[in-house]
């Protein structure tokens, strides 16, 4: 029987050994992974993070990644698209789910459908902590999402403003999240219809993705300039941090999938083809150790912008420089 899913606000500390993300909404999956990593880093600053797709996982690698460590290292293994885990690999994985080695956290992201149901059942037999990450398809769900995002940013939004915002922005959750947070910053906390309409009557939208796109290709100077402009017009720190985490994680997923046609990889990874093409271009120059270092940096940043750092603005600047250094490392 499936456990009742918890929200990210209800994450326990420490995180249980097995976590199941059910659904394939990229924003929600990315946020969940970042939040889990941030909690893990609070417990052990040297947390070793690894990320794979289900299709990549092989039995021998699982033994290496999930077997007991002589030094008791804290490890986090994220398996995305776990519905693609092969039968032979699942036979190796399931005992580790039922009896994880000390210090290891296994995160399985499963689309939630019939494909690969054995993986889903195995995680539930292991009493995994379950987090819902399903795509939001209905207008009323998008409205609920906007209200939650405004609350997350520390604001309030009037009911008619919610409807106006959803109509204006559409169904893209990342854009809805970014716009919701920016409107809270612009309004001082109270979002009404007039503000939403004014925002969409020609004001240039500033997004954390502009910062992230420059940072992940090693253009620290350009990223810092974009960061200062974004902060100057009120883009929330957490929105920029989310964009940087998404940029690094997308590069990690696409680079680890190997070379190939963008459309074929897009189908396999469950990502839009344009995003795969962009990540293929951005991943040039990255080494595997550099990507691992970058993943740790954005996990730290997630905690920093949520209160761990004395200055979230400085934390973002430090992260931009750290990503450039990670990209240059070998």
C-alpha atoms as a PDB file:
ATOM      1  CA  UNK A   1       0.000   0.000   0.000  1.00  0.00           C
ATOM      2  CA  UNK A   2       1.383   3.404  -0.983  1.00  0.00           C
ATOM      3  CA  UNK A   3       2.295   5.795   1.814  1.00  0.00           C
ATOM      4  CA  UNK A   4       0.663   9.187   1.808  1.00  0.00           C
ATOM      5  CA  UNK A   5       3.010  11.580  -0.051  1.00  0.00           C
ATOM      6  CA  UNK A   6       4.639  14.336   1.983  1.00  0.00           C
ATOM      7  CA  UNK A   7       5.439  17.883   0.887  1.00  0.00           C
ATOM      8  CA  UNK A   8       8.933  19.375   0.857  1.00  0.00           C
ATOM      9  CA  UNK A   9       7.938  21.436   3.899  1.00  0.00           C
ATOM     10  CA  UNK A  10       7.452  18.164   5.783  1.00  0.00           C
ATOM     11  CA  UNK A  11      10.852  16.618   5.008  1.00  0.00           C
ATOM     12  CA  UNK A  12      12.217  14.861   8.081  1.00  0.00           C
ATOM     13  CA  UNK A  13      15.772  15.398   9.278  1.00  0.00           C
ATOM     14  CA  UNK A  14      17.566  13.074   8.868  1.00  0.00           C
ATOM     15  CA  UNK A  15      16.173  11.872   5.546  1.00  0.00           C
ATOM     16  CA  UNK A  16      15.118   8.189   5.524  1.00  0.00           C
ATOM     17  CA  UNK A  17      17.369   5.769   3.613  1.00  0.00           C
ATOM     18  CA  UNK A  18      14.917   5.416   0.690  1.00  0.00           C
ATOM     19  CA  UNK A  19      12.932   8.252  -0.912  1.00  0.00           C
ATOM     20  CA  UNK A  20      10.459   7.807  -3.759  1.00  0.00           C
ATOM     21  CA  UNK A  21       9.567  10.734  -6.033  1.00  0.00           C
ATOM     22  CA  UNK A  22       6.402   9.851  -7.934  1.00  0.00           C
ATOM     23  CA  UNK A  23       5.807  11.872 -11.092  1.00  0.00           C
ATOM     24  CA  UNK A  24       7.868  13.508 -13.797  1.00  0.00           C
ATOM     25  CA  UNK A  25       7.300  17.253 -13.450  1.00  0.00           C
ATOM     26  CA  UNK A  26      10.858  18.564 -13.854  1.00  0.00           C
ATOM     27  CA  UNK A  27      10.521  21.546 -11.529  1.00  0.00           C
ATOM     28  CA  UNK A  28       9.069  19.485  -8.694  1.00  0.00           C
ATOM     29  CA  UNK A  29      11.623  16.695  -9.138  1.00  0.00           C
ATOM     30  CA  UNK A  30      14.503  19.182  -9.224  1.00  0.00           C
ATOM     31  CA  UNK A  31      13.261  20.940  -6.103  1.00  0.00           C
ATOM     32  CA  UNK A  32      12.804  17.658  -4.258  1.00  0.00           C
ATOM     33  CA  UNK A  33      16.312  16.453  -5.094  1.00  0.00           C
ATOM     34  CA  UNK A  34      17.808  19.816  -4.067  1.00  0.00           C
ATOM     35  CA  UNK A  35      15.885  19.814  -0.779  1.00  0.00           C
ATOM     36  CA  UNK A  36      16.925  16.235   0.040  1.00  0.00           C
ATOM     37  CA  UNK A  37      20.557  17.032  -0.748  1.00  0.00           C
ATOM     38  CA  UNK A  38      20.414  20.161   1.406  1.00  0.00           C
ATOM     39  CA  UNK A  39      19.141  18.183   4.408  1.00  0.00           C
ATOM     40  CA  UNK A  40      21.846  15.578   3.802  1.00  0.00           C
ATOM     41  CA  UNK A  41      24.521  18.272   3.669  1.00  0.00           C
ATOM     42  CA  UNK A  42      23.392  19.610   7.026  1.00  0.00           C
ATOM     43  CA  UNK A  43      24.099  16.193   8.480  1.00  0.00           C
ATOM     44  CA  UNK A  44      27.395  15.703   6.647  1.00  0.00           C
ATOM     45  CA  UNK A  45      29.084  18.491   4.722  1.00  0.00           C
ATOM     46  CA  UNK A  46      31.080  15.937   2.707  1.00  0.00           C
ATOM     47  CA  UNK A  47      27.997  14.213   1.298  1.00  0.00           C
ATOM     48  CA  UNK A  48      28.931  12.424  -1.937  1.00  0.00           C
ATOM     49  CA  UNK A  49      26.170  12.897  -4.536  1.00  0.00           C
ATOM     50  CA  UNK A  50      25.670  10.709  -7.599  1.00  0.00           C
ATOM     51  CA  UNK A  51      22.930  10.907 -10.205  1.00  0.00           C
ATOM     52  CA  UNK A  52      22.016   8.314 -12.823  1.00  0.00           C
ATOM     53  CA  UNK A  53      19.066   7.451 -15.035  1.00  0.00           C
ATOM     54  CA  UNK A  54      17.322   4.122 -14.718  1.00  0.00           C
ATOM     55  CA  UNK A  55      18.455   3.039 -18.176  1.00  0.00           C
ATOM     56  CA  UNK A  56      22.119   3.616 -17.210  1.00  0.00           C
ATOM     57  CA  UNK A  57      22.128   1.577 -14.019  1.00  0.00           C
ATOM     58  CA  UNK A  58      23.940  -1.767 -14.108  1.00  0.00           C
ATOM     59  CA  UNK A  59      24.302  -4.331 -11.337  1.00  0.00           C
ATOM     60  CA  UNK A  60      28.083  -4.094 -10.821  1.00  0.00           C
ATOM     61  CA  UNK A  61      27.924  -0.297 -10.566  1.00  0.00           C
ATOM     62  CA  UNK A  62      25.157  -0.565  -7.978  1.00  0.00           C
ATOM     63  CA  UNK A  63      27.329  -2.800  -5.795  1.00  0.00           C
ATOM     64  CA  UNK A  64      30.091  -0.213  -6.004  1.00  0.00           C
ATOM     65  CA  UNK A  65      27.822   2.757  -5.288  1.00  0.00           C
ATOM     66  CA  UNK A  66      25.606   1.205  -2.606  1.00  0.00           C
ATOM     67  CA  UNK A  67      27.869  -1.279  -0.869  1.00  0.00           C
ATOM     68  CA  UNK A  68      29.130  -0.607   2.672  1.00  0.00           C
ATOM     69  CA  UNK A  69      32.004   1.868   2.964  1.00  0.00           C
ATOM     70  CA  UNK A  70      35.036   1.266   5.151  1.00  0.00           C
ATOM     71  CA  UNK A  71      35.048   4.943   6.057  1.00  0.00           C
ATOM     72  CA  UNK A  72      31.301   5.354   6.603  1.00  0.00           C
ATOM     73  CA  UNK A  73      31.012   8.037   3.911  1.00  0.00           C
ATOM     74  CA  UNK A  74      27.633   9.752   3.580  1.00  0.00           C
ATOM     75  CA  UNK A  75      26.311   9.073   0.081  1.00  0.00           C
ATOM     76  CA  UNK A  76      23.270  10.166  -1.912  1.00  0.00           C
ATOM     77  CA  UNK A  77      22.319   8.239  -5.057  1.00  0.00           C
ATOM     78  CA  UNK A  78      19.573   9.724  -7.226  1.00  0.00           C
ATOM     79  CA  UNK A  79      18.100   7.455  -9.896  1.00  0.00           C
ATOM     80  CA  UNK A  80      15.967   9.455 -12.316  1.00  0.00           C
ATOM     81  CA  UNK A  81      13.428   7.749 -14.602  1.00  0.00           C
ATOM     82  CA  UNK A  82      13.605   4.684 -12.361  1.00  0.00           C
ATOM     83  CA  UNK A  83      10.823   3.081 -14.423  1.00  0.00           C
ATOM     84  CA  UNK A  84      13.595   2.313 -16.944  1.00  0.00           C
ATOM     85  CA  UNK A  85      15.663   0.210 -14.515  1.00  0.00           C
ATOM     86  CA  UNK A  86      16.247  -3.186 -16.124  1.00  0.00           C
ATOM     87  CA  UNK A  87      15.108  -6.419 -14.492  1.00  0.00           C
ATOM     88  CA  UNK A  88      18.682  -7.586 -13.828  1.00  0.00           C
ATOM     89  CA  UNK A  89      19.613  -4.265 -12.239  1.00  0.00           C
ATOM     90  CA  UNK A  90      16.461  -4.286 -10.089  1.00  0.00           C
ATOM     91  CA  UNK A  91      17.464  -7.688  -8.713  1.00  0.00           C
ATOM     92  CA  UNK A  92      20.654  -6.053  -7.430  1.00  0.00           C
ATOM     93  CA  UNK A  93      18.983  -2.829  -6.329  1.00  0.00           C
ATOM     94  CA  UNK A  94      16.082  -4.256  -4.303  1.00  0.00           C
ATOM     95  CA  UNK A  95      18.162  -5.763  -1.456  1.00  0.00           C
ATOM     96  CA  UNK A  96      19.852  -2.382  -1.011  1.00  0.00           C
ATOM     97  CA  UNK A  97      16.423  -0.744  -0.803  1.00  0.00           C
ATOM     98  CA  UNK A  98      15.274  -3.197   1.851  1.00  0.00           C
ATOM     99  CA  UNK A  99      18.517  -3.029   3.831  1.00  0.00           C
ATOM    100  CA  UNK A 100      20.501   0.093   2.895  1.00  0.00           C
ATOM    101  CA  UNK A 101      24.087   0.410   4.071  1.00  0.00           C
ATOM    102  CA  UNK A 102      24.750   2.946   6.811  1.00  0.00           C
ATOM    103  CA  UNK A 103      25.065   6.529   5.595  1.00  0.00           C
ATOM    104  CA  UNK A 104      23.408   5.910   2.209  1.00  0.00           C
ATOM    105  CA  UNK A 105      20.272   7.623   0.920  1.00  0.00           C
ATOM    106  CA  UNK A 106      18.675   6.285  -2.279  1.00  0.00           C
ATOM    107  CA  UNK A 107      16.278   8.566  -4.176  1.00  0.00           C
ATOM    108  CA  UNK A 108      14.172   6.934  -6.894  1.00  0.00           C
ATOM    109  CA  UNK A 109      12.197   9.119  -9.299  1.00  0.00           C
ATOM    110  CA  UNK A 110       9.455   7.120 -10.995  1.00  0.00           C
ATOM    111  CA  UNK A 111       7.015   8.518 -13.540  1.00  0.00           C
ATOM    112  CA  UNK A 112       4.198   6.756 -11.701  1.00  0.00           C
ATOM    113  CA  UNK A 113       2.707   4.830 -14.614  1.00  0.00           C
ATOM    114  CA  UNK A 114       2.489   1.128 -15.369  1.00  0.00           C
ATOM    115  CA  UNK A 115       5.968   0.969 -16.900  1.00  0.00           C
ATOM    116  CA  UNK A 116       8.537  -0.303 -14.434  1.00  0.00           C
ATOM    117  CA  UNK A 117       5.895  -0.904 -11.777  1.00  0.00           C
ATOM    118  CA  UNK A 118       8.150  -3.468 -10.114  1.00  0.00           C
ATOM    119  CA  UNK A 119      10.547  -0.668  -9.143  1.00  0.00           C
ATOM    120  CA  UNK A 120       7.676   1.337  -7.663  1.00  0.00           C
ATOM    121  CA  UNK A 121       6.487  -1.659  -5.645  1.00  0.00           C
ATOM    122  CA  UNK A 122      10.016  -2.435  -4.464  1.00  0.00           C
ATOM    123  CA  UNK A 123      10.438   1.108  -3.134  1.00  0.00           C
ATOM    124  CA  UNK A 124       7.100   0.927  -1.344  1.00  0.00           C
ATOM    125  CA  UNK A 125       7.984  -2.454   0.173  1.00  0.00           C
ATOM    126  CA  UNK A 126      11.056  -0.713   1.556  1.00  0.00           C
ATOM    127  CA  UNK A 127       8.739   1.859   3.214  1.00  0.00           C
ATOM    128  CA  UNK A 128      10.192   4.690   1.161  1.00  0.00           C
ATOM    129  CA  UNK A 129       9.362   8.272   2.056  1.00  0.00           C
ATOM    130  CA  UNK A 130       7.083   9.286  -0.825  1.00  0.00           C
ATOM    131  CA  UNK A 131       6.973  12.758  -2.398  1.00  0.00           C
ATOM    132  CA  UNK A 132       4.503  13.643  -5.147  1.00  0.00           C
ATOM    133  CA  UNK A 133       6.003  15.215  -8.278  1.00  0.00           C
ATOM    134  CA  UNK A 134       3.195  14.644 -10.782  1.00  0.00           C
ATOM    135  CA  UNK A 135       2.639  17.003 -13.678  1.00  0.00           C
ATOM    136  CA  UNK A 136       0.040  19.698 -13.083  1.00  0.00           C
ATOM    137  CA  UNK A 137      -2.474  19.584 -15.927  1.00  0.00           C
ATOM    138  CA  UNK A 138      -5.697  21.198 -14.722  1.00  0.00           C
ATOM    139  CA  UNK A 139      -6.325  24.932 -14.440  1.00  0.00           C
ATOM    140  CA  UNK A 140      -7.442  24.645 -10.813  1.00  0.00           C
ATOM    141  CA  UNK A 141      -4.220  22.786  -9.960  1.00  0.00           C
ATOM    142  CA  UNK A 142      -2.167  25.546 -11.596  1.00  0.00           C
ATOM    143  CA  UNK A 143      -4.087  28.101  -9.546  1.00  0.00           C
ATOM    144  CA  UNK A 144      -3.287  26.137  -6.386  1.00  0.00           C
ATOM    145  CA  UNK A 145       0.351  26.013  -7.465  1.00  0.00           C
ATOM    146  CA  UNK A 146       0.463  29.803  -7.920  1.00  0.00           C
ATOM    147  CA  UNK A 147      -1.053  30.371  -4.481  1.00  0.00           C
ATOM    148  CA  UNK A 148       1.514  28.026  -2.955  1.00  0.00           C
ATOM    149  CA  UNK A 149       4.383  29.752  -4.791  1.00  0.00           C
ATOM    150  CA  UNK A 150       3.256  33.164  -3.574  1.00  0.00           C
ATOM    151  CA  UNK A 151       3.094  31.850  -0.004  1.00  0.00           C
ATOM    152  CA  UNK A 152       6.544  30.273  -0.489  1.00  0.00           C
ATOM    153  CA  UNK A 153       7.880  33.699  -1.443  1.00  0.00           C
ATOM    154  CA  UNK A 154       6.266  35.231   1.657  1.00  0.00           C
ATOM    155  CA  UNK A 155       3.329  36.981   0.004  1.00  0.00           C
ATOM    156  CA  UNK A 156      -0.425  36.855  -0.513  1.00  0.00           C
ATOM    157  CA  UNK A 157      -2.382  36.964  -3.749  1.00  0.00           C
ATOM    158  CA  UNK A 158      -6.027  37.852  -4.363  1.00  0.00           C
ATOM    159  CA  UNK A 159      -8.237  35.211  -6.067  1.00  0.00           C
ATOM    160  CA  UNK A 160      -8.857  37.283  -9.207  1.00  0.00           C
ATOM    161  CA  UNK A 161      -5.115  37.956  -9.476  1.00  0.00           C
ATOM    162  CA  UNK A 162      -4.453  34.193  -9.435  1.00  0.00           C
ATOM    163  CA  UNK A 163      -6.765  33.668 -12.407  1.00  0.00           C
ATOM    164  CA  UNK A 164      -5.248  36.626 -14.280  1.00  0.00           C
ATOM    165  CA  UNK A 165      -1.729  35.337 -13.691  1.00  0.00           C
ATOM    166  CA  UNK A 166      -2.496  31.791 -14.845  1.00  0.00           C
ATOM    167  CA  UNK A 167      -4.224  33.134 -17.969  1.00  0.00           C
ATOM    168  CA  UNK A 168      -1.293  35.414 -18.758  1.00  0.00           C
ATOM    169  CA  UNK A 169       1.561  32.991 -18.142  1.00  0.00           C
ATOM    170  CA  UNK A 170       0.105  29.635 -19.175  1.00  0.00           C
ATOM    171  CA  UNK A 171       1.014  26.137 -18.020  1.00  0.00           C
ATOM    172  CA  UNK A 172       4.823  26.260 -17.641  1.00  0.00           C
ATOM    173  CA  UNK A 173       5.476  25.708 -13.929  1.00  0.00           C
ATOM    174  CA  UNK A 174       8.942  27.239 -13.964  1.00  0.00           C
ATOM    175  CA  UNK A 175       7.627  30.443 -15.439  1.00  0.00           C
ATOM    176  CA  UNK A 176       4.668  30.472 -13.059  1.00  0.00           C
ATOM    177  CA  UNK A 177       7.042  30.002 -10.127  1.00  0.00           C
ATOM    178  CA  UNK A 178       9.452  32.704 -11.290  1.00  0.00           C
ATOM    179  CA  UNK A 179       6.705  35.232 -12.024  1.00  0.00           C
ATOM    180  CA  UNK A 180       4.921  34.528  -8.730  1.00  0.00           C
ATOM    181  CA  UNK A 181       8.081  35.116  -6.722  1.00  0.00           C
ATOM    182  CA  UNK A 182       8.994  38.231  -8.671  1.00  0.00           C
ATOM    183  CA  UNK A 183       5.530  39.728  -8.219  1.00  0.00           C
ATOM    184  CA  UNK A 184       5.794  39.208  -4.457  1.00  0.00           C
ATOM    185  CA  UNK A 185       9.147  40.983  -4.483  1.00  0.00           C
ATOM    186  CA  UNK A 186       7.746  43.848  -6.587  1.00  0.00           C
ATOM    187  CA  UNK A 187       4.635  44.291  -4.463  1.00  0.00           C
ATOM    188  CA  UNK A 188       6.138  43.984  -1.029  1.00  0.00           C
ATOM    189  CA  UNK A 189       3.981  40.935  -0.420  1.00  0.00           C
ATOM    190  CA  UNK A 190       0.466  41.676  -1.675  1.00  0.00           C
ATOM    191  CA  UNK A 191      -0.233  40.723  -5.301  1.00  0.00           C
ATOM    192  CA  UNK A 192      -3.371  42.082  -6.967  1.00  0.00           C
ATOM    193  CA  UNK A 193      -4.790  42.156 -10.481  1.00  0.00           C
ATOM    194  CA  UNK A 194      -3.406  45.613 -11.262  1.00  0.00           C
ATOM    195  CA  UNK A 195       0.137  44.469 -10.520  1.00  0.00           C
ATOM    196  CA  UNK A 196      -0.222  41.307 -12.602  1.00  0.00           C
ATOM    197  CA  UNK A 197      -1.543  43.293 -15.567  1.00  0.00           C
ATOM    198  CA  UNK A 198       1.138  45.946 -15.240  1.00  0.00           C
ATOM    199  CA  UNK A 199       3.799  43.254 -15.173  1.00  0.00           C
ATOM    200  CA  UNK A 200       2.542  41.818 -18.446  1.00  0.00           C
ATOM    201  CA  UNK A 201       2.106  45.144 -20.221  1.00  0.00           C
ATOM    202  CA  UNK A 202       5.662  45.430 -21.327  1.00  0.00           C
ATOM    203  CA  UNK A 203       7.916  45.129 -18.315  1.00  0.00           C
ATOM    204  CA  UNK A 204      10.982  43.108 -19.259  1.00  0.00           C
ATOM    205  CA  UNK A 205      11.017  39.823 -17.425  1.00  0.00           C
ATOM    206  CA  UNK A 206      14.230  39.064 -15.622  1.00  0.00           C
ATOM    207  CA  UNK A 207      14.853  35.411 -14.925  1.00  0.00           C
ATOM    208  CA  UNK A 208      17.353  33.426 -12.921  1.00  0.00           C
ATOM    209  CA  UNK A 209      17.856  31.311 -16.042  1.00  0.00           C
ATOM    210  CA  UNK A 210      19.826  34.169 -17.643  1.00  0.00           C
ATOM    211  CA  UNK A 211      22.248  33.931 -14.719  1.00  0.00           C
ATOM    212  CA  UNK A 212      22.332  30.135 -14.819  1.00  0.00           C
ATOM    213  CA  UNK A 213      22.946  29.904 -18.576  1.00  0.00           C
ATOM    214  CA  UNK A 214      26.027  32.123 -18.268  1.00  0.00           C
ATOM    215  CA  UNK A 215      27.311  30.461 -15.100  1.00  0.00           C
ATOM    216  CA  UNK A 216      27.245  26.887 -16.451  1.00  0.00           C
ATOM    217  CA  UNK A 217      29.345  27.793 -19.498  1.00  0.00           C
ATOM    218  CA  UNK A 218      32.010  29.365 -17.291  1.00  0.00           C
ATOM    219  CA  UNK A 219      31.231  33.014 -18.081  1.00  0.00           C
ATOM    220  CA  UNK A 220      31.566  34.197 -14.491  1.00  0.00           C
ATOM    221  CA  UNK A 221      31.835  37.890 -15.387  1.00  0.00           C
ATOM    222  CA  UNK A 222      28.675  37.811 -17.505  1.00  0.00           C
ATOM    223  CA  UNK A 223      26.805  35.738 -14.927  1.00  0.00           C
ATOM    224  CA  UNK A 224      27.751  38.131 -12.118  1.00  0.00           C
ATOM    225  CA  UNK A 225      26.561  41.101 -14.177  1.00  0.00           C
ATOM    226  CA  UNK A 226      23.240  39.348 -14.894  1.00  0.00           C
ATOM    227  CA  UNK A 227      22.971  38.362 -11.229  1.00  0.00           C
ATOM    228  CA  UNK A 228      23.409  41.924  -9.973  1.00  0.00           C
ATOM    229  CA  UNK A 229      20.836  43.190 -12.450  1.00  0.00           C
ATOM    230  CA  UNK A 230      18.363  40.448 -11.489  1.00  0.00           C
ATOM    231  CA  UNK A 231      18.799  41.186  -7.780  1.00  0.00           C
ATOM    232  CA  UNK A 232      18.498  44.899  -8.468  1.00  0.00           C
ATOM    233  CA  UNK A 233      15.042  44.500 -10.017  1.00  0.00           C
ATOM    234  CA  UNK A 234      13.831  42.179  -7.281  1.00  0.00           C
ATOM    235  CA  UNK A 235      14.207  38.607  -8.538  1.00  0.00           C
ATOM    236  CA  UNK A 236      14.173  36.485  -5.341  1.00  0.00           C
ATOM    237  CA  UNK A 237      17.363  34.707  -4.319  1.00  0.00           C
ATOM    238  CA  UNK A 238      15.640  31.323  -4.194  1.00  0.00           C
ATOM    239  CA  UNK A 239      14.401  31.656  -7.805  1.00  0.00           C
ATOM    240  CA  UNK A 240      17.942  32.277  -9.055  1.00  0.00           C
ATOM    241  CA  UNK A 241      19.282  29.413  -6.941  1.00  0.00           C
ATOM    242  CA  UNK A 242      16.619  27.059  -8.346  1.00  0.00           C
ATOM    243  CA  UNK A 243      17.566  28.051 -11.894  1.00  0.00           C
ATOM    244  CA  UNK A 244      21.263  27.396 -11.233  1.00  0.00           C
ATOM    245  CA  UNK A 245      20.477  24.000  -9.701  1.00  0.00           C
ATOM    246  CA  UNK A 246      18.302  23.113 -12.694  1.00  0.00           C
ATOM    247  CA  UNK A 247      21.075  24.127 -15.102  1.00  0.00           C
ATOM    248  CA  UNK A 248      23.670  21.937 -13.398  1.00  0.00           C
ATOM    249  CA  UNK A 249      21.345  18.960 -13.002  1.00  0.00           C
ATOM    250  CA  UNK A 250      20.265  19.144 -16.650  1.00  0.00           C
ATOM    251  CA  UNK A 251      23.893  19.132 -17.789  1.00  0.00           C
ATOM    252  CA  UNK A 252      24.580  16.155 -15.508  1.00  0.00           C
ATOM    253  CA  UNK A 253      21.624  14.200 -16.908  1.00  0.00           C
ATOM    254  CA  UNK A 254      22.366  14.933 -20.560  1.00  0.00           C
ATOM    255  CA  UNK A 255      26.137  14.420 -20.274  1.00  0.00           C
ATOM    256  CA  UNK A 256      25.702  11.103 -18.455  1.00  0.00           C
ATOM    257  CA  UNK A 257      23.291   9.905 -21.149  1.00  0.00           C
ATOM    258  CA  UNK A 258      26.133   9.939 -23.693  1.00  0.00           C
ATOM    259  CA  UNK A 259      26.273  11.315 -27.189  1.00  0.00           C
ATOM    260  CA  UNK A 260      23.403  10.937 -29.591  1.00  0.00           C
ATOM    261  CA  UNK A 261      20.577  12.579 -31.440  1.00  0.00           C
ATOM    262  CA  UNK A 262      18.890  15.230 -29.310  1.00  0.00           C
ATOM    263  CA  UNK A 263      15.416  13.967 -30.168  1.00  0.00           C
ATOM    264  CA  UNK A 264      16.258  10.379 -29.247  1.00  0.00           C
ATOM    265  CA  UNK A 265      17.861  11.492 -25.988  1.00  0.00           C
ATOM    266  CA  UNK A 266      14.889  13.754 -25.254  1.00  0.00           C
ATOM    267  CA  UNK A 267      12.536  10.803 -25.500  1.00  0.00           C
ATOM    268  CA  UNK A 268      14.747   8.680 -23.279  1.00  0.00           C
ATOM    269  CA  UNK A 269      15.285  11.361 -20.649  1.00  0.00           C
ATOM    270  CA  UNK A 270      11.744  12.711 -20.694  1.00  0.00           C
ATOM    271  CA  UNK A 271      12.935  16.221 -21.560  1.00  0.00           C
ATOM    272  CA  UNK A 272      12.108  18.656 -24.391  1.00  0.00           C
ATOM    273  CA  UNK A 273      14.464  18.326 -27.357  1.00  0.00           C
ATOM    274  CA  UNK A 274      15.398  22.028 -27.220  1.00  0.00           C
ATOM    275  CA  UNK A 275      16.533  21.595 -23.634  1.00  0.00           C
ATOM    276  CA  UNK A 276      18.659  18.582 -24.536  1.00  0.00           C
ATOM    277  CA  UNK A 277      20.279  20.508 -27.419  1.00  0.00           C
ATOM    278  CA  UNK A 278      21.082  23.436 -25.127  1.00  0.00           C
ATOM    279  CA  UNK A 279      22.497  21.147 -22.435  1.00  0.00           C
ATOM    280  CA  UNK A 280      24.632  19.299 -25.014  1.00  0.00           C
ATOM    281  CA  UNK A 281      26.154  22.628 -25.984  1.00  0.00           C
ATOM    282  CA  UNK A 282      26.579  23.776 -22.375  1.00  0.00           C
ATOM    283  CA  UNK A 283      28.127  20.486 -21.263  1.00  0.00           C
ATOM    284  CA  UNK A 284      31.176  20.928 -23.505  1.00  0.00           C
ATOM    285  CA  UNK A 285      34.167  21.577 -21.297  1.00  0.00           C
ATOM    286  CA  UNK A 286      32.717  19.867 -18.227  1.00  0.00           C
ATOM    287  CA  UNK A 287      34.453  16.853 -16.672  1.00  0.00           C
ATOM    288  CA  UNK A 288      32.720  14.284 -14.482  1.00  0.00           C
ATOM    289  CA  UNK A 289      34.571  15.478 -11.325  1.00  0.00           C
ATOM    290  CA  UNK A 290      33.614  19.037 -12.242  1.00  0.00           C
ATOM    291  CA  UNK A 291      29.933  18.126 -12.542  1.00  0.00           C
ATOM    292  CA  UNK A 292      30.033  16.342  -9.175  1.00  0.00           C
ATOM    293  CA  UNK A 293      31.596  19.422  -7.613  1.00  0.00           C
ATOM    294  CA  UNK A 294      28.954  21.640  -9.216  1.00  0.00           C
ATOM    295  CA  UNK A 295      26.148  19.427  -7.879  1.00  0.00           C
ATOM    296  CA  UNK A 296      27.542  19.875  -4.364  1.00  0.00           C
ATOM    297  CA  UNK A 297      27.770  23.626  -4.881  1.00  0.00           C
ATOM    298  CA  UNK A 298      24.133  24.040  -5.902  1.00  0.00           C
ATOM    299  CA  UNK A 299      23.022  21.826  -2.997  1.00  0.00           C
ATOM    300  CA  UNK A 300      24.914  24.149  -0.629  1.00  0.00           C
ATOM    301  CA  UNK A 301      23.406  27.168  -2.370  1.00  0.00           C
ATOM    302  CA  UNK A 302      19.884  25.853  -1.827  1.00  0.00           C
ATOM    303  CA  UNK A 303      20.481  25.873   1.925  1.00  0.00           C
ATOM    304  CA  UNK A 304      22.337  29.203   1.840  1.00  0.00           C
ATOM    305  CA  UNK A 305      19.526  31.178   0.193  1.00  0.00           C
ATOM    306  CA  UNK A 306      17.013  29.700   2.627  1.00  0.00           C
ATOM    307  CA  UNK A 307      18.764  31.049   5.681  1.00  0.00           C
ATOM    308  CA  UNK A 308      21.991  29.115   6.184  1.00  0.00           C
ATOM    309  CA  UNK A 309      24.108  31.988   4.855  1.00  0.00           C
ATOM    310  CA  UNK A 310      24.357  35.430   6.454  1.00  0.00           C
ATOM    311  CA  UNK A 311      24.060  37.047   3.002  1.00  0.00           C
ATOM    312  CA  UNK A 312      22.103  35.173   0.295  1.00  0.00           C
ATOM    313  CA  UNK A 313      23.303  37.689  -2.313  1.00  0.00           C
ATOM    314  CA  UNK A 314      26.926  36.917  -1.499  1.00  0.00           C
ATOM    315  CA  UNK A 315      26.095  33.184  -1.509  1.00  0.00           C
ATOM    316  CA  UNK A 316      24.824  33.530  -5.090  1.00  0.00           C
ATOM    317  CA  UNK A 317      27.959  35.418  -6.162  1.00  0.00           C
ATOM    318  CA  UNK A 318      30.146  32.774  -4.534  1.00  0.00           C
ATOM    319  CA  UNK A 319      28.181  30.014  -6.280  1.00  0.00           C
ATOM    320  CA  UNK A 320      28.602  31.675  -9.691  1.00  0.00           C
ATOM    321  CA  UNK A 321      32.373  31.752  -9.206  1.00  0.00           C
ATOM    322  CA  UNK A 322      32.348  28.196  -7.840  1.00  0.00           C
ATOM    323  CA  UNK A 323      30.527  26.883 -10.923  1.00  0.00           C
ATOM    324  CA  UNK A 324      33.067  28.535 -13.201  1.00  0.00           C
ATOM    325  CA  UNK A 325      35.875  26.934 -11.167  1.00  0.00           C
ATOM    326  CA  UNK A 326      34.129  23.540 -11.250  1.00  0.00           C
ATOM    327  CA  UNK A 327      33.807  23.714 -15.010  1.00  0.00           C
ATOM    328  CA  UNK A 328      37.522  24.430 -15.332  1.00  0.00           C
ATOM    329  CA  UNK A 329      38.513  21.589 -12.977  1.00  0.00           C
ATOM    330  CA  UNK A 330      39.645  18.192 -14.172  1.00  0.00           C
END
